């Protein structure tokens, strides 16, 4: 899984909490897309 980090240049890219937040948002987005396709 590769996340686009261009939209958060002001945040530390090595922050574990940031990675967790982005991963969670990415999963939520994928789930919403799956629901929308059904």
N, C-alpha and C. Protein backbone atom coordinates (compact mmCIF):
# COMPACT_ATOMS: atom_id res chain seq x y z
N UNK A 1 0.85 -1.19 0.00
CA UNK A 1 0.00 0.00 0.00
C UNK A 1 0.88 1.24 0.00
N UNK A 2 0.63 2.12 -0.93
CA UNK A 2 1.43 3.35 -1.01
C UNK A 2 0.50 4.56 -0.85
N UNK A 3 0.81 5.41 0.10
CA UNK A 3 -0.02 6.59 0.34
C UNK A 3 0.62 7.82 -0.28
N UNK A 4 -0.21 8.70 -0.79
CA UNK A 4 0.29 9.95 -1.34
C UNK A 4 0.52 10.94 -0.20
N UNK A 5 1.78 11.27 0.06
CA UNK A 5 2.10 12.13 1.19
C UNK A 5 2.20 13.60 0.80
N UNK A 6 1.92 13.92 -0.45
CA UNK A 6 2.11 15.29 -0.92
C UNK A 6 1.18 16.28 -0.22
N UNK A 7 0.06 15.79 0.30
CA UNK A 7 -0.91 16.72 0.88
C UNK A 7 -0.64 16.98 2.37
N UNK A 8 0.42 16.37 2.92
CA UNK A 8 0.77 16.65 4.32
C UNK A 8 2.26 16.96 4.46
N UNK A 9 2.78 17.92 3.69
CA UNK A 9 4.21 18.22 3.74
C UNK A 9 4.63 18.83 5.08
N UNK A 10 3.67 19.40 5.82
CA UNK A 10 4.01 20.07 7.07
C UNK A 10 4.08 19.11 8.25
N UNK A 11 3.73 17.84 8.04
CA UNK A 11 3.74 16.87 9.12
C UNK A 11 4.95 15.95 9.00
N UNK A 12 5.46 15.47 10.13
CA UNK A 12 6.60 14.54 10.09
C UNK A 12 6.21 13.22 9.46
N UNK A 13 6.94 12.80 8.44
CA UNK A 13 6.57 11.59 7.71
C UNK A 13 6.93 10.32 8.48
N UNK A 14 7.77 10.46 9.50
CA UNK A 14 8.18 9.28 10.25
C UNK A 14 7.36 9.11 11.54
N UNK A 15 6.28 9.87 11.66
CA UNK A 15 5.45 9.78 12.85
C UNK A 15 4.57 8.55 12.78
N UNK A 16 4.69 7.67 13.78
CA UNK A 16 3.88 6.45 13.79
C UNK A 16 2.39 6.79 13.85
N UNK A 17 2.04 7.81 14.64
CA UNK A 17 0.63 8.16 14.76
C UNK A 17 0.10 8.69 13.43
N UNK A 18 0.93 9.45 12.72
CA UNK A 18 0.53 9.96 11.41
C UNK A 18 0.29 8.80 10.45
N UNK A 19 1.20 7.82 10.46
CA UNK A 19 1.05 6.67 9.58
C UNK A 19 -0.23 5.91 9.91
N UNK A 20 -0.51 5.73 11.20
CA UNK A 20 -1.72 5.02 11.61
C UNK A 20 -2.96 5.78 11.17
N UNK A 21 -2.93 7.10 11.33
CA UNK A 21 -4.08 7.92 10.94
C UNK A 21 -4.32 7.84 9.43
N UNK A 22 -3.26 7.94 8.65
CA UNK A 22 -3.40 7.87 7.20
C UNK A 22 -3.87 6.48 6.76
N UNK A 23 -3.32 5.44 7.39
CA UNK A 23 -3.72 4.08 7.04
C UNK A 23 -5.20 3.88 7.35
N UNK A 24 -5.65 4.40 8.49
CA UNK A 24 -7.06 4.25 8.87
C UNK A 24 -7.95 5.01 7.88
N UNK A 25 -7.55 6.22 7.52
CA UNK A 25 -8.33 7.00 6.57
C UNK A 25 -8.37 6.30 5.21
N UNK A 26 -7.24 5.70 4.82
CA UNK A 26 -7.17 5.00 3.54
C UNK A 26 -8.12 3.81 3.54
N UNK A 27 -8.14 3.04 4.64
CA UNK A 27 -9.04 1.89 4.74
C UNK A 27 -10.49 2.36 4.70
N UNK A 28 -10.79 3.43 5.43
CA UNK A 28 -12.16 3.95 5.44
C UNK A 28 -12.58 4.36 4.04
N UNK A 29 -11.69 4.99 3.30
CA UNK A 29 -11.99 5.42 1.94
C UNK A 29 -12.25 4.22 1.06
N UNK A 30 -11.43 3.19 1.18
CA UNK A 30 -11.63 1.99 0.37
C UNK A 30 -12.97 1.34 0.71
N UNK A 31 -13.31 1.26 2.00
CA UNK A 31 -14.57 0.65 2.41
C UNK A 31 -15.74 1.44 1.84
N UNK A 32 -15.66 2.77 1.89
CA UNK A 32 -16.74 3.60 1.36
C UNK A 32 -16.87 3.40 -0.14
N UNK A 33 -15.75 3.25 -0.84
CA UNK A 33 -15.81 3.01 -2.28
C UNK A 33 -16.47 1.67 -2.57
N UNK A 34 -16.14 0.65 -1.77
CA UNK A 34 -16.74 -0.67 -1.96
C UNK A 34 -18.24 -0.60 -1.74
N UNK A 35 -18.65 0.09 -0.69
CA UNK A 35 -20.08 0.23 -0.40
C UNK A 35 -20.78 0.99 -1.53
N UNK A 36 -20.11 2.02 -2.04
CA UNK A 36 -20.70 2.82 -3.11
C UNK A 36 -20.85 2.05 -4.41
N UNK A 37 -20.00 1.05 -4.62
CA UNK A 37 -20.07 0.28 -5.86
C UNK A 37 -21.18 -0.77 -5.82
N UNK A 38 -21.58 -1.12 -4.61
CA UNK A 38 -22.59 -2.17 -4.50
C UNK A 38 -23.97 -1.64 -4.83
